[in-house]
Amino acid sequence: MAYGYTHDEHIARITGLENQKDSEALQKAVYLTLDATDAAKDIDKINQALSFLRNNFCLSGKITYEKISHHR
């Protein structure tokens, strides 16, 4: 299993996304929906991912980690 930069690199390669911001958005969405399993440990990274998506891709402020994790 790949972690960190290698994980992100694999996602970019698989999707063929060339735009860095689009690739980063997809990587953060994957992280939030699949990999962010321990909010107590990862809350800073979770909040950074949500903030990036809100600021760059108009993610609604109504979408929170709690709502994402509830729907897993």
N, C-alpha and C. Protein backbone atom coordinates (compact mmCIF):
# COMPACT_ATOMS: atom_id res chain seq x y z
N MET A 1 0.84 -1.17 0.00
CA MET A 1 0.00 0.00 0.00
C MET A 1 0.88 1.24 0.00
N ALA A 2 0.53 2.20 -0.80
CA ALA A 2 1.29 3.44 -0.90
C ALA A 2 0.77 4.46 0.12
N TYR A 3 1.67 5.32 0.58
CA TYR A 3 1.31 6.36 1.54
C TYR A 3 1.84 7.70 1.06
N GLY A 4 1.22 8.78 1.56
CA GLY A 4 1.72 10.12 1.32
C GLY A 4 1.89 10.47 -0.14
N TYR A 5 3.06 10.99 -0.46
CA TYR A 5 3.33 11.47 -1.82
C TYR A 5 3.15 10.35 -2.85
N THR A 6 3.61 9.15 -2.55
CA THR A 6 3.49 8.04 -3.50
C THR A 6 2.03 7.72 -3.75
N HIS A 7 1.21 7.75 -2.71
CA HIS A 7 -0.23 7.52 -2.84
C HIS A 7 -0.84 8.55 -3.79
N ASP A 8 -0.51 9.81 -3.57
CA ASP A 8 -1.04 10.89 -4.41
C ASP A 8 -0.57 10.74 -5.85
N GLU A 9 0.67 10.35 -6.02
CA GLU A 9 1.23 10.14 -7.35
C GLU A 9 0.48 9.02 -8.09
N HIS A 10 0.14 7.96 -7.39
CA HIS A 10 -0.60 6.85 -7.99
C HIS A 10 -1.99 7.31 -8.44
N ILE A 11 -2.66 8.08 -7.61
CA ILE A 11 -3.99 8.58 -7.97
C ILE A 11 -3.91 9.46 -9.22
N ALA A 12 -2.93 10.35 -9.27
CA ALA A 12 -2.77 11.22 -10.44
C ALA A 12 -2.51 10.40 -11.70
N ARG A 13 -1.68 9.38 -11.59
CA ARG A 13 -1.35 8.54 -12.75
C ARG A 13 -2.56 7.74 -13.22
N ILE A 14 -3.30 7.19 -12.29
CA ILE A 14 -4.48 6.38 -12.63
C ILE A 14 -5.54 7.21 -13.33
N THR A 15 -5.77 8.43 -12.85
CA THR A 15 -6.83 9.27 -13.40
C THR A 15 -6.40 10.03 -14.66
N GLY A 16 -5.11 10.18 -14.83
CA GLY A 16 -4.61 10.93 -15.98
C GLY A 16 -4.78 12.43 -15.86
N LEU A 17 -5.09 12.91 -14.67
CA LEU A 17 -5.25 14.35 -14.47
C LEU A 17 -3.91 15.06 -14.60
N GLU A 18 -3.88 16.07 -15.43
CA GLU A 18 -2.65 16.83 -15.61
C GLU A 18 -2.67 18.15 -14.85
N ASN A 19 -3.86 18.66 -14.57
CA ASN A 19 -3.98 19.90 -13.82
C ASN A 19 -3.70 19.61 -12.35
N GLN A 20 -2.69 20.25 -11.80
CA GLN A 20 -2.25 19.98 -10.42
C GLN A 20 -3.36 20.23 -9.41
N LYS A 21 -4.12 21.29 -9.57
CA LYS A 21 -5.17 21.61 -8.60
C LYS A 21 -6.29 20.58 -8.65
N ASP A 22 -6.66 20.14 -9.85
CA ASP A 22 -7.69 19.11 -9.98
C ASP A 22 -7.21 17.80 -9.36
N SER A 23 -5.97 17.46 -9.61
CA SER A 23 -5.39 16.24 -9.04
C SER A 23 -5.36 16.31 -7.51
N GLU A 24 -4.98 17.46 -7.00
CA GLU A 24 -4.93 17.64 -5.55
C GLU A 24 -6.32 17.54 -4.94
N ALA A 25 -7.33 18.10 -5.63
CA ALA A 25 -8.70 18.03 -5.13
C ALA A 25 -9.18 16.58 -5.07
N LEU A 26 -8.90 15.81 -6.10
CA LEU A 26 -9.28 14.41 -6.11
C LEU A 26 -8.57 13.65 -4.98
N GLN A 27 -7.30 13.92 -4.80
CA GLN A 27 -6.54 13.25 -3.74
C GLN A 27 -7.11 13.57 -2.37
N LYS A 28 -7.51 14.81 -2.17
CA LYS A 28 -8.08 15.20 -0.87
C LYS A 28 -9.45 14.56 -0.67
N ALA A 29 -10.24 14.49 -1.74
CA ALA A 29 -11.55 13.84 -1.64
C ALA A 29 -11.39 12.35 -1.33
N VAL A 30 -10.44 11.70 -1.98
CA VAL A 30 -10.16 10.28 -1.69
C VAL A 30 -9.74 10.13 -0.24
N TYR A 31 -8.86 11.00 0.21
CA TYR A 31 -8.41 10.95 1.60
C TYR A 31 -9.59 11.06 2.56
N LEU A 32 -10.46 12.05 2.32
CA LEU A 32 -11.58 12.28 3.23
C LEU A 32 -12.56 11.12 3.25
N THR A 33 -12.79 10.50 2.11
CA THR A 33 -13.80 9.45 2.04
C THR A 33 -13.28 8.05 2.36
N LEU A 34 -11.99 7.83 2.16
CA LEU A 34 -11.46 6.48 2.36
C LEU A 34 -10.41 6.36 3.46
N ASP A 35 -9.54 7.34 3.57
CA ASP A 35 -8.37 7.19 4.43
C ASP A 35 -8.45 7.90 5.77
N ALA A 36 -9.27 8.92 5.89
CA ALA A 36 -9.35 9.69 7.14
C ALA A 36 -10.27 8.96 8.11
N THR A 37 -9.72 8.04 8.86
CA THR A 37 -10.54 7.21 9.72
C THR A 37 -10.45 7.57 11.20
N ASP A 38 -9.49 8.37 11.57
CA ASP A 38 -9.29 8.71 12.97
C ASP A 38 -9.25 10.23 13.14
N ALA A 39 -10.41 10.82 13.34
CA ALA A 39 -10.50 12.28 13.43
C ALA A 39 -9.65 12.83 14.57
N ALA A 40 -9.58 12.12 15.67
CA ALA A 40 -8.79 12.61 16.81
C ALA A 40 -7.32 12.73 16.43
N LYS A 41 -6.83 11.79 15.64
CA LYS A 41 -5.42 11.79 15.25
C LYS A 41 -5.16 12.68 14.03
N ASP A 42 -6.10 12.73 13.11
CA ASP A 42 -5.88 13.38 11.81
C ASP A 42 -6.66 14.68 11.61
N ILE A 43 -7.18 15.28 12.68
CA ILE A 43 -8.08 16.42 12.52
C ILE A 43 -7.45 17.58 11.75
N ASP A 44 -6.16 17.85 11.94
CA ASP A 44 -5.53 18.95 11.21
C ASP A 44 -5.51 18.67 9.70
N LYS A 45 -5.15 17.46 9.32
CA LYS A 45 -5.12 17.09 7.90
C LYS A 45 -6.53 17.09 7.31
N ILE A 46 -7.50 16.63 8.08
CA ILE A 46 -8.89 16.62 7.64
C ILE A 46 -9.36 18.05 7.40
N ASN A 47 -9.10 18.94 8.33
CA ASN A 47 -9.52 20.34 8.18
C ASN A 47 -8.81 21.02 7.02
N GLN A 48 -7.54 20.69 6.79
CA GLN A 48 -6.81 21.25 5.64
C GLN A 48 -7.43 20.79 4.33
N ALA A 49 -7.80 19.52 4.25
CA ALA A 49 -8.41 18.99 3.03
C ALA A 49 -9.76 19.66 2.78
N LEU A 50 -10.58 19.77 3.81
CA LEU A 50 -11.88 20.42 3.65
C LEU A 50 -11.72 21.89 3.26
N SER A 51 -10.78 22.57 3.88
CA SER A 51 -10.53 23.98 3.58
C SER A 51 -10.09 24.16 2.12
N PHE A 52 -9.18 23.31 1.65
CA PHE A 52 -8.73 23.38 0.27
C PHE A 52 -9.91 23.22 -0.69
N LEU A 53 -10.77 22.24 -0.43
CA LEU A 53 -11.91 22.00 -1.31
C LEU A 53 -12.92 23.14 -1.24
N ARG A 54 -13.11 23.71 -0.06
CA ARG A 54 -14.03 24.85 0.07
C ARG A 54 -13.49 26.08 -0.67
N ASN A 55 -12.21 26.35 -0.50
CA ASN A 55 -11.62 27.55 -1.08
C ASN A 55 -11.39 27.47 -2.58
N ASN A 56 -11.18 26.28 -3.10
CA ASN A 56 -10.83 26.14 -4.51
C ASN A 56 -11.91 25.50 -5.38
N PHE A 57 -12.86 24.81 -4.76
CA PHE A 57 -13.86 24.08 -5.54
C PHE A 57 -15.27 24.28 -5.01
N CYS A 58 -15.49 25.32 -4.24
CA CYS A 58 -16.82 25.71 -3.76
C CYS A 58 -17.53 24.61 -2.98
N LEU A 59 -16.78 23.79 -2.26
CA LEU A 59 -17.40 22.79 -1.40
C LEU A 59 -18.22 23.50 -0.35
N SER A 60 -19.44 23.09 -0.17
CA SER A 60 -20.33 23.71 0.80
C SER A 60 -19.79 23.56 2.21
N GLY A 61 -19.95 24.59 3.00
CA GLY A 61 -19.56 24.54 4.40
C GLY A 61 -20.41 23.56 5.20
N LYS A 62 -21.53 23.14 4.61
CA LYS A 62 -22.40 22.17 5.27
C LYS A 62 -21.80 20.77 5.25
N ILE A 63 -20.83 20.56 4.37
CA ILE A 63 -20.18 19.26 4.29
C ILE A 63 -19.04 19.25 5.30
N THR A 64 -19.18 18.41 6.28
CA THR A 64 -18.20 18.32 7.36
C THR A 64 -17.64 16.90 7.42
N TYR A 65 -16.57 16.74 8.15
CA TYR A 65 -16.01 15.40 8.33
C TYR A 65 -17.02 14.49 9.01
N GLU A 66 -17.75 15.03 9.97
CA GLU A 66 -18.74 14.23 10.69
C GLU A 66 -19.80 13.68 9.72
N LYS A 67 -20.24 14.51 8.78
CA LYS A 67 -21.24 14.04 7.81
C LYS A 67 -20.63 13.03 6.85
N ILE A 68 -19.40 13.25 6.44
CA ILE A 68 -18.74 12.30 5.53
C ILE A 68 -18.58 10.96 6.23
N SER A 69 -18.09 10.97 7.46
CA SER A 69 -17.84 9.71 8.15
C SER A 69 -19.13 9.00 8.51
N HIS A 70 -20.21 9.74 8.71
CA HIS A 70 -21.52 9.15 9.01
C HIS A 70 -22.05 8.36 7.82
N HIS A 71 -21.72 8.77 6.61
CA HIS A 71 -22.25 8.13 5.40
C HIS A 71 -21.34 7.04 4.85
N ARG A 72 -20.28 6.71 5.54
CA ARG A 72 -19.38 5.64 5.05
C ARG A 72 -20.04 4.32 5.07
